[in-house]
Amino acid sequence: MKRDDRIPFSTRLRFESDDGRHVINGTTSDVSMSGAFLSSDELPADIKEGMEGVVFVEMSKEGNTFEVSFHCTIARVTPRGLGLNFENEFE
């Protein structure tokens, strides 16, 4: 399986689980077309791989800050954060 190129991009991320039980705030240092790693030191004990949710990415342009969102799945859980796979319709 080919990994998408990662682009250096430092910003805030927020993951909200589809079941409404979890909101996890953190940051990332890079993203790709297929995902990002959300660094956070406040992970709930019951967060698991395979959980689905929405990731909100904070972006800024010309002094304006806005969020874009992507439906995602937790692909990996580590002590440092979450590996998120974005779901998209492009293959």
PDB file of N, CA and C in Angstrom:
ATOM      1  N   MET A   1       0.841  -1.178   0.000  1.00  0.00           N
ATOM      2  CA  MET A   1       0.000   0.000   0.000  1.00  0.00           C
ATOM      3  C   MET A   1       0.889   1.244   0.000  1.00  0.00           C
ATOM      4  N   LYS A   2       0.662   2.134  -0.945  1.00  0.00           N
ATOM      5  CA  LYS A   2       1.456   3.355  -1.062  1.00  0.00           C
ATOM      6  C   LYS A   2       0.924   4.413  -0.106  1.00  0.00           C
ATOM      7  N   ARG A   3       1.834   5.023   0.646  1.00  0.00           N
ATOM      8  CA  ARG A   3       1.456   6.124   1.541  1.00  0.00           C
ATOM      9  C   ARG A   3       1.478   7.426   0.780  1.00  0.00           C
ATOM     10  N   ASP A   4       0.513   8.281   1.066  1.00  0.00           N
ATOM     11  CA  ASP A   4       0.493   9.615   0.470  1.00  0.00           C
ATOM     12  C   ASP A   4       1.637  10.439   1.044  1.00  0.00           C
ATOM     13  N   ASP A   5       2.149  11.351   0.215  1.00  0.00           N
ATOM     14  CA  ASP A   5       3.201  12.253   0.688  1.00  0.00           C
ATOM     15  C   ASP A   5       2.671  13.114   1.813  1.00  0.00           C
ATOM     16  N   ARG A   6       3.485  13.277   2.837  1.00  0.00           N
ATOM     17  CA  ARG A   6       3.119  14.141   3.960  1.00  0.00           C
ATOM     18  C   ARG A   6       3.615  15.551   3.680  1.00  0.00           C
ATOM     19  N   ILE A   7       2.789  16.498   4.051  1.00  0.00           N
ATOM     20  CA  ILE A   7       3.104  17.902   3.849  1.00  0.00           C
ATOM     21  C   ILE A   7       3.302  18.538   5.218  1.00  0.00           C
ATOM     22  N   PRO A   8       4.449  19.199   5.460  1.00  0.00           N
ATOM     23  CA  PRO A   8       4.628  19.878   6.742  1.00  0.00           C
ATOM     24  C   PRO A   8       3.537  20.931   6.918  1.00  0.00           C
ATOM     25  N   PHE A   9       2.799  20.823   7.987  1.00  0.00           N
ATOM     26  CA  PHE A   9       1.684  21.734   8.223  1.00  0.00           C
ATOM     27  C   PHE A   9       1.338  21.643   9.699  1.00  0.00           C
ATOM     28  N   SER A  10       1.692  22.660  10.451  1.00  0.00           N
ATOM     29  CA  SER A  10       1.447  22.662  11.889  1.00  0.00           C
ATOM     30  C   SER A  10       0.176  23.442  12.181  1.00  0.00           C
ATOM     31  N   THR A  11      -0.774  22.777  12.815  1.00  0.00           N
ATOM     32  CA  THR A  11      -2.033  23.440  13.134  1.00  0.00           C
ATOM     33  C   THR A  11      -2.757  22.679  14.240  1.00  0.00           C
ATOM     34  N   ARG A  12      -3.843  23.258  14.719  1.00  0.00           N
ATOM     35  CA  ARG A  12      -4.670  22.608  15.730  1.00  0.00           C
ATOM     36  C   ARG A  12      -5.667  21.666  15.060  1.00  0.00           C
ATOM     37  N   LEU A  13      -5.907  20.545  15.711  1.00  0.00           N
ATOM     38  CA  LEU A  13      -6.911  19.580  15.267  1.00  0.00           C
ATOM     39  C   LEU A  13      -7.848  19.284  16.428  1.00  0.00           C
ATOM     40  N   ARG A  14      -9.072  18.902  16.078  1.00  0.00           N
ATOM     41  CA  ARG A  14     -10.025  18.429  17.080  1.00  0.00           C
ATOM     42  C   ARG A  14     -10.738  17.217  16.507  1.00  0.00           C
ATOM     43  N   PHE A  15     -10.752  16.121  17.260  1.00  0.00           N
ATOM     44  CA  PHE A  15     -11.474  14.917  16.862  1.00  0.00           C
ATOM     45  C   PHE A  15     -12.733  14.814  17.706  1.00  0.00           C
ATOM     46  N   GLU A  16     -13.873  14.601  17.055  1.00  0.00           N
ATOM     47  CA  GLU A  16     -15.134  14.376  17.753  1.00  0.00           C
ATOM     48  C   GLU A  16     -15.672  13.033  17.283  1.00  0.00           C
ATOM     49  N   SER A  17     -15.846  12.103  18.217  1.00  0.00           N
ATOM     50  CA  SER A  17     -16.324  10.769  17.855  1.00  0.00           C
ATOM     51  C   SER A  17     -17.780  10.820  17.420  1.00  0.00           C
ATOM     52  N   ASP A  18     -18.145   9.926  16.507  1.00  0.00           N
ATOM     53  CA  ASP A  18     -19.518   9.876  16.006  1.00  0.00           C
ATOM     54  C   ASP A  18     -20.529   9.598  17.110  1.00  0.00           C
ATOM     55  N   ASP A  19     -20.110   8.866  18.145  1.00  0.00           N
ATOM     56  CA  ASP A  19     -21.048   8.545  19.224  1.00  0.00           C
ATOM     57  C   ASP A  19     -21.222   9.701  20.213  1.00  0.00           C
ATOM     58  N   GLY A  20     -20.463  10.798  20.024  1.00  0.00           N
ATOM     59  CA  GLY A  20     -20.597  11.973  20.875  1.00  0.00           C
ATOM     60  C   GLY A  20     -19.930  11.867  22.234  1.00  0.00           C
ATOM     61  N   ARG A  21     -19.227  10.774  22.498  1.00  0.00           N
ATOM     62  CA  ARG A  21     -18.623  10.566  23.809  1.00  0.00           C
ATOM     63  C   ARG A  21     -17.242  11.190  23.951  1.00  0.00           C
ATOM     64  N   HIS A  22     -16.570  11.478  22.847  1.00  0.00           N
ATOM     65  CA  HIS A  22     -15.188  11.958  22.934  1.00  0.00           C
ATOM     66  C   HIS A  22     -14.956  13.195  22.083  1.00  0.00           C
ATOM     67  N   VAL A  23     -14.274  14.167  22.670  1.00  0.00           N
ATOM     68  CA  VAL A  23     -13.738  15.324  21.961  1.00  0.00           C
ATOM     69  C   VAL A  23     -12.281  15.419  22.385  1.00  0.00           C
ATOM     70  N   ILE A  24     -11.378  15.305  21.417  1.00  0.00           N
ATOM     71  CA  ILE A  24      -9.947  15.307  21.716  1.00  0.00           C
ATOM     72  C   ILE A  24      -9.306  16.447  20.943  1.00  0.00           C
ATOM     73  N   ASN A  25      -8.665  17.349  21.663  1.00  0.00           N
ATOM     74  CA  ASN A  25      -7.962  18.480  21.062  1.00  0.00           C
ATOM     75  C   ASN A  25      -6.481  18.183  21.009  1.00  0.00           C
ATOM     76  N   GLY A  26      -5.836  18.653  19.949  1.00  0.00           N
ATOM     77  CA  GLY A  26      -4.401  18.449  19.819  1.00  0.00           C
ATOM     78  C   GLY A  26      -3.848  19.244  18.661  1.00  0.00           C
ATOM     79  N   THR A  27      -2.681  18.834  18.209  1.00  0.00           N
ATOM     80  CA  THR A  27      -2.004  19.507  17.101  1.00  0.00           C
ATOM     81  C   THR A  27      -1.453  18.463  16.144  1.00  0.00           C
ATOM     82  N   THR A  28      -1.071  18.918  14.973  1.00  0.00           N
ATOM     83  CA  THR A  28      -0.369  18.078  14.018  1.00  0.00           C
ATOM     84  C   THR A  28       0.813  18.851  13.461  1.00  0.00           C
ATOM     85  N   SER A  29       1.801  18.124  12.974  1.00  0.00           N
ATOM     86  CA  SER A  29       2.936  18.779  12.339  1.00  0.00           C
ATOM     87  C   SER A  29       2.986  18.480  10.844  1.00  0.00           C
ATOM     88  N   ASP A  30       2.178  17.521  10.395  1.00  0.00           N
ATOM     89  CA  ASP A  30       2.087  17.247   8.968  1.00  0.00           C
ATOM     90  C   ASP A  30       0.766  16.563   8.658  1.00  0.00           C
ATOM     91  N   VAL A  31       0.373  16.650   7.398  1.00  0.00           N
ATOM     92  CA  VAL A  31      -0.858  16.023   6.933  1.00  0.00           C
ATOM     93  C   VAL A  31      -0.599  15.402   5.568  1.00  0.00           C
ATOM     94  N   SER A  32      -1.488  14.519   5.159  1.00  0.00           N
ATOM     95  CA  SER A  32      -1.461  13.994   3.799  1.00  0.00           C
ATOM     96  C   SER A  32      -2.891  13.987   3.290  1.00  0.00           C
ATOM     97  N   MET A  33      -3.080  13.605   2.060  1.00  0.00           N
ATOM     98  CA  MET A  33      -4.432  13.535   1.513  1.00  0.00           C
ATOM     99  C   MET A  33      -5.261  12.470   2.221  1.00  0.00           C
ATOM    100  N   SER A  34      -4.596  11.506   2.842  1.00  0.00           N
ATOM    101  CA  SER A  34      -5.338  10.398   3.455  1.00  0.00           C
ATOM    102  C   SER A  34      -5.414  10.463   4.976  1.00  0.00           C
ATOM    103  N   GLY A  35      -4.701  11.402   5.612  1.00  0.00           N
ATOM    104  CA  GLY A  35      -4.794  11.440   7.063  1.00  0.00           C
ATOM    105  C   GLY A  35      -3.825  12.387   7.730  1.00  0.00           C
ATOM    106  N   ALA A  36      -3.818  12.288   9.070  1.00  0.00           N
ATOM    107  CA  ALA A  36      -2.955  13.129   9.895  1.00  0.00           C
ATOM    108  C   ALA A  36      -2.758  12.432  11.237  1.00  0.00           C
ATOM    109  N   PHE A  37      -1.737  12.856  11.954  1.00  0.00           N
ATOM    110  CA  PHE A  37      -1.536  12.365  13.316  1.00  0.00           C
ATOM    111  C   PHE A  37      -1.906  13.491  14.268  1.00  0.00           C
ATOM    112  N   LEU A  38      -2.843  13.221  15.173  1.00  0.00           N
ATOM    113  CA  LEU A  38      -3.284  14.194  16.162  1.00  0.00           C
ATOM    114  C   LEU A  38      -2.486  13.950  17.438  1.00  0.00           C
ATOM    115  N   SER A  39      -1.552  14.847  17.736  1.00  0.00           N
ATOM    116  CA  SER A  39      -0.758  14.730  18.958  1.00  0.00           C
ATOM    117  C   SER A  39      -1.557  15.291  20.121  1.00  0.00           C
ATOM    118  N   SER A  40      -1.715  14.487  21.178  1.00  0.00           N
ATOM    119  CA  SER A  40      -2.456  14.932  22.355  1.00  0.00           C
ATOM    120  C   SER A  40      -2.003  14.116  23.550  1.00  0.00           C
ATOM    121  N   ASP A  41      -1.899  14.776  24.700  1.00  0.00           N
ATOM    122  CA  ASP A  41      -1.530  14.050  25.916  1.00  0.00           C
ATOM    123  C   ASP A  41      -2.750  13.806  26.798  1.00  0.00           C
ATOM    124  N   GLU A  42      -3.942  14.008  26.244  1.00  0.00           N
ATOM    125  CA  GLU A  42      -5.173  13.817  27.007  1.00  0.00           C
ATOM    126  C   GLU A  42      -6.087  12.816  26.312  1.00  0.00           C
ATOM    127  N   LEU A  43      -5.611  11.585  26.121  1.00  0.00           N
ATOM    128  CA  LEU A  43      -6.428  10.575  25.464  1.00  0.00           C
ATOM    129  C   LEU A  43      -7.246   9.791  26.484  1.00  0.00           C
ATOM    130  N   PRO A  44      -8.546   9.624  26.246  1.00  0.00           N
ATOM    131  CA  PRO A  44      -9.357   8.804  27.137  1.00  0.00           C
ATOM    132  C   PRO A  44      -8.914   7.342  27.062  1.00  0.00           C
ATOM    133  N   ALA A  45      -9.061   6.626  28.169  1.00  0.00           N
ATOM    134  CA  ALA A  45      -8.635   5.225  28.220  1.00  0.00           C
ATOM    135  C   ALA A  45      -9.430   4.344  27.271  1.00  0.00           C
ATOM    136  N   ASP A  46     -10.668   4.725  26.957  1.00  0.00           N
ATOM    137  CA  ASP A  46     -11.504   3.863  26.123  1.00  0.00           C
ATOM    138  C   ASP A  46     -11.489   4.233  24.637  1.00  0.00           C
ATOM    139  N   ILE A  47     -10.554   5.083  24.202  1.00  0.00           N
ATOM    140  CA  ILE A  47     -10.440   5.414  22.783  1.00  0.00           C
ATOM    141  C   ILE A  47      -9.807   4.218  22.072  1.00  0.00           C
ATOM    142  N   LYS A  48     -10.359   3.816  20.942  1.00  0.00           N
ATOM    143  CA  LYS A  48      -9.914   2.587  20.272  1.00  0.00           C
ATOM    144  C   LYS A  48      -9.737   2.783  18.775  1.00  0.00           C
ATOM    145  N   GLU A  49      -8.859   1.966  18.198  1.00  0.00           N
ATOM    146  CA  GLU A  49      -8.727   1.913  16.744  1.00  0.00           C
ATOM    147  C   GLU A  49     -10.066   1.488  16.158  1.00  0.00           C
ATOM    148  N   GLY A  50     -10.395   2.040  15.008  1.00  0.00           N
ATOM    149  CA  GLY A  50     -11.633   1.702  14.327  1.00  0.00           C
ATOM    150  C   GLY A  50     -12.784   2.637  14.654  1.00  0.00           C
ATOM    151  N   MET A  51     -12.649   3.428  15.721  1.00  0.00           N
ATOM    152  CA  MET A  51     -13.706   4.396  16.041  1.00  0.00           C
ATOM    153  C   MET A  51     -13.792   5.427  14.921  1.00  0.00           C
ATOM    154  N   GLU A  52     -15.012   5.856  14.626  1.00  0.00           N
ATOM    155  CA  GLU A  52     -15.221   6.841  13.576  1.00  0.00           C
ATOM    156  C   GLU A  52     -15.617   8.177  14.176  1.00  0.00           C
ATOM    157  N   GLY A  53     -15.327   9.229  13.432  1.00  0.00           N
ATOM    158  CA  GLY A  53     -15.671  10.558  13.895  1.00  0.00           C
ATOM    159  C   GLY A  53     -15.374  11.591  12.836  1.00  0.00           C
ATOM    160  N   VAL A  54     -15.284  12.831  13.287  1.00  0.00           N
ATOM    161  CA  VAL A  54     -14.970  13.956  12.407  1.00  0.00           C
ATOM    162  C   VAL A  54     -13.751  14.659  12.979  1.00  0.00           C
ATOM    163  N   VAL A  55     -12.791  14.971  12.107  1.00  0.00           N
ATOM    164  CA  VAL A  55     -11.643  15.765  12.526  1.00  0.00           C
ATOM    165  C   VAL A  55     -11.828  17.168  11.957  1.00  0.00           C
ATOM    166  N   PHE A  56     -11.617  18.157  12.818  1.00  0.00           N
ATOM    167  CA  PHE A  56     -11.719  19.565  12.433  1.00  0.00           C
ATOM    168  C   PHE A  56     -10.298  20.124  12.380  1.00  0.00           C
ATOM    169  N   VAL A  57      -9.946  20.715  11.256  1.00  0.00           N
ATOM    170  CA  VAL A  57      -8.606  21.263  11.028  1.00  0.00           C
ATOM    171  C   VAL A  57      -8.716  22.777  11.005  1.00  0.00           C
ATOM    172  N   GLU A  58      -7.940  23.443  11.866  1.00  0.00           N
ATOM    173  CA  GLU A  58      -7.951  24.906  11.896  1.00  0.00           C
ATOM    174  C   GLU A  58      -7.005  25.438  10.830  1.00  0.00           C
ATOM    175  N   MET A  59      -7.508  26.378  10.023  1.00  0.00           N
ATOM    176  CA  MET A  59      -6.704  26.976   8.967  1.00  0.00           C
ATOM    177  C   MET A  59      -6.847  28.490   9.036  1.00  0.00           C
ATOM    178  N   SER A  60      -5.849  29.187   8.519  1.00  0.00           N
ATOM    179  CA  SER A  60      -5.884  30.650   8.492  1.00  0.00           C
ATOM    180  C   SER A  60      -5.490  31.139   7.112  1.00  0.00           C
ATOM    181  N   LYS A  61      -6.140  32.203   6.696  1.00  0.00           N
ATOM    182  CA  LYS A  61      -5.778  32.857   5.442  1.00  0.00           C
ATOM    183  C   LYS A  61      -6.100  34.333   5.572  1.00  0.00           C
ATOM    184  N   GLU A  62      -5.116  35.148   5.289  1.00  0.00           N
ATOM    185  CA  GLU A  62      -5.272  36.604   5.300  1.00  0.00           C
ATOM    186  C   GLU A  62      -5.893  37.095   6.605  1.00  0.00           C
ATOM    187  N   GLY A  63      -5.431  36.540   7.723  1.00  0.00           N
ATOM    188  CA  GLY A  63      -5.892  36.980   9.027  1.00  0.00           C
ATOM    189  C   GLY A  63      -7.205  36.375   9.490  1.00  0.00           C
ATOM    190  N   ASN A  64      -7.843  35.578   8.652  1.00  0.00           N
ATOM    191  CA  ASN A  64      -9.098  34.923   9.024  1.00  0.00           C
ATOM    192  C   ASN A  64      -8.833  33.459   9.354  1.00  0.00           C
ATOM    193  N   THR A  65      -9.423  33.006  10.452  1.00  0.00           N
ATOM    194  CA  THR A  65      -9.276  31.615  10.861  1.00  0.00           C
ATOM    195  C   THR A  65     -10.599  30.894  10.623  1.00  0.00           C
ATOM    196  N   PHE A  66     -10.501  29.680  10.082  1.00  0.00           N
ATOM    197  CA  PHE A  66     -11.696  28.893   9.829  1.00  0.00           C
ATOM    198  C   PHE A  66     -11.351  27.419  10.010  1.00  0.00           C
ATOM    199  N   GLU A  67     -12.369  26.576  10.044  1.00  0.00           N
ATOM    200  CA  GLU A  67     -12.164  25.142  10.187  1.00  0.00           C
ATOM    201  C   GLU A  67     -12.694  24.417   8.958  1.00  0.00           C
ATOM    202  N   VAL A  68     -11.975  23.369   8.577  1.00  0.00           N
ATOM    203  CA  VAL A  68     -12.481  22.416   7.594  1.00  0.00           C
ATOM    204  C   VAL A  68     -12.606  21.093   8.322  1.00  0.00           C
ATOM    205  N   SER A  69     -13.514  20.251   7.879  1.00  0.00           N
ATOM    206  CA  SER A  69     -13.714  18.989   8.579  1.00  0.00           C
ATOM    207  C   SER A  69     -13.729  17.829   7.600  1.00  0.00           C
ATOM    208  N   PHE A  70     -13.334  16.663   8.114  1.00  0.00           N
ATOM    209  CA  PHE A  70     -13.290  15.435   7.339  1.00  0.00           C
ATOM    210  C   PHE A  70     -13.799  14.303   8.218  1.00  0.00           C
ATOM    211  N   HIS A  71     -14.616  13.438   7.647  1.00  0.00           N
ATOM    212  CA  HIS A  71     -14.973  12.231   8.381  1.00  0.00           C
ATOM    213  C   HIS A  71     -13.720  11.371   8.410  1.00  0.00           C
ATOM    214  N   CYS A  72     -13.491  10.682   9.516  1.00  0.00           N
ATOM    215  CA  CYS A  72     -12.257   9.913   9.648  1.00  0.00           C
ATOM    216  C   CYS A  72     -12.471   8.687  10.522  1.00  0.00           C
ATOM    217  N   THR A  73     -11.475   7.815  10.476  1.00  0.00           N
ATOM    218  CA  THR A  73     -11.427   6.621  11.314  1.00  0.00           C
ATOM    219  C   THR A  73     -10.106   6.633  12.061  1.00  0.00           C
ATOM    220  N   ILE A  74     -10.129   6.232  13.328  1.00  0.00           N
ATOM    221  CA  ILE A  74      -8.883   6.112  14.081  1.00  0.00           C
ATOM    222  C   ILE A  74      -8.160   4.867  13.603  1.00  0.00           C
ATOM    223  N   ALA A  75      -7.003   5.053  12.991  1.00  0.00           N
ATOM    224  CA  ALA A  75      -6.219   3.946  12.449  1.00  0.00           C
ATOM    225  C   ALA A  75      -5.201   3.431  13.453  1.00  0.00           C
ATOM    226  N   ARG A  76      -4.828   4.297  14.404  1.00  0.00           N
ATOM    227  CA  ARG A  76      -3.769   3.923  15.347  1.00  0.00           C
ATOM    228  C   ARG A  76      -3.906   4.760  16.598  1.00  0.00           C
ATOM    229  N   VAL A  77      -3.684   4.134  17.744  1.00  0.00           N
ATOM    230  CA  VAL A  77      -3.667   4.834  19.030  1.00  0.00           C
ATOM    231  C   VAL A  77      -2.296   4.598  19.653  1.00  0.00           C
ATOM    232  N   THR A  78      -1.608   5.677  20.019  1.00  0.00           N
ATOM    233  CA  THR A  78      -0.307   5.575  20.678  1.00  0.00           C
ATOM    234  C   THR A  78      -0.363   6.422  21.949  1.00  0.00           C
ATOM    235  N   PRO A  79       0.623   6.307  22.812  1.00  0.00           N
ATOM    236  CA  PRO A  79       0.651   7.174  23.998  1.00  0.00           C
ATOM    237  C   PRO A  79       0.738   8.665  23.650  1.00  0.00           C
ATOM    238  N   ARG A  80       1.189   8.975  22.447  1.00  0.00           N
ATOM    239  CA  ARG A  80       1.340  10.375  22.018  1.00  0.00           C
ATOM    240  C   ARG A  80       0.128  10.936  21.295  1.00  0.00           C
ATOM    241  N   GLY A  81      -0.797  10.064  20.826  1.00  0.00           N
ATOM    242  CA  GLY A  81      -1.934  10.596  20.091  1.00  0.00           C
ATOM    243  C   GLY A  81      -2.602   9.576  19.195  1.00  0.00           C
ATOM    244  N   LEU A  82      -3.283  10.099  18.170  1.00  0.00           N
ATOM    245  CA  LEU A  82      -4.098   9.280  17.280  1.00  0.00           C
ATOM    246  C   LEU A  82      -3.658   9.427  15.828  1.00  0.00           C
ATOM    247  N   GLY A  83      -3.529   8.307  15.140  1.00  0.00           N
ATOM    248  CA  GLY A  83      -3.358   8.308  13.695  1.00  0.00           C
ATOM    249  C   GLY A  83      -4.738   8.267  13.069  1.00  0.00           C
ATOM    250  N   LEU A  84      -5.080   9.279  12.287  1.00  0.00           N
ATOM    251  CA  LEU A  84      -6.413   9.390  11.701  1.00  0.00           C
ATOM    252  C   LEU A  84      -6.361   9.198  10.195  1.00  0.00           C
ATOM    253  N   ASN A  85      -7.248   8.378   9.681  1.00  0.00           N
ATOM    254  CA  ASN A  85      -7.411   8.225   8.231  1.00  0.00           C
ATOM    255  C   ASN A  85      -8.631   9.003   7.817  1.00  0.00           C
ATOM    256  N   PHE A  86      -8.436   9.945   6.880  1.00  0.00           N
ATOM    257  CA  PHE A  86      -9.557  10.703   6.344  1.00  0.00           C
ATOM    258  C   PHE A  86     -10.316   9.823   5.365  1.00  0.00           C
ATOM    259  N   GLU A  87     -11.617   9.926   5.398  1.00  0.00           N
ATOM    260  CA  GLU A  87     -12.425   9.208   4.418  1.00  0.00           C
ATOM    261  C   GLU A  87     -12.741  10.177   3.306  1.00  0.00           C
ATOM    262  N   ASN A  88     -12.477   9.733   2.103  1.00  0.00           N
ATOM    263  CA  ASN A  88     -12.803  10.583   0.947  1.00  0.00           C
ATOM    264  C   ASN A  88     -13.321   9.704  -0.167  1.00  0.00           C
ATOM    265  N   GLU A  89     -13.794  10.330  -1.214  1.00  0.00           N
ATOM    266  CA  GLU A  89     -14.378   9.594  -2.312  1.00  0.00           C
ATOM    267  C   GLU A  89     -13.411   9.454  -3.468  1.00  0.00           C
ATOM    268  N   PHE A  90     -12.142   9.787  -3.254  1.00  0.00           N
ATOM    269  CA  PHE A  90     -11.144   9.689  -4.310  1.00  0.00           C
ATOM    270  C   PHE A  90     -10.335   8.435  -4.068  1.00  0.00           C
ATOM    271  N   GLU A  91     -10.070   7.715  -5.093  1.00  0.00           N
ATOM    272  CA  GLU A  91      -9.218   6.520  -4.975  1.00  0.00           C
ATOM    273  C   GLU A  91      -8.066   6.644  -5.939  1.00  0.00           C
TER     274      GLU A  91
END
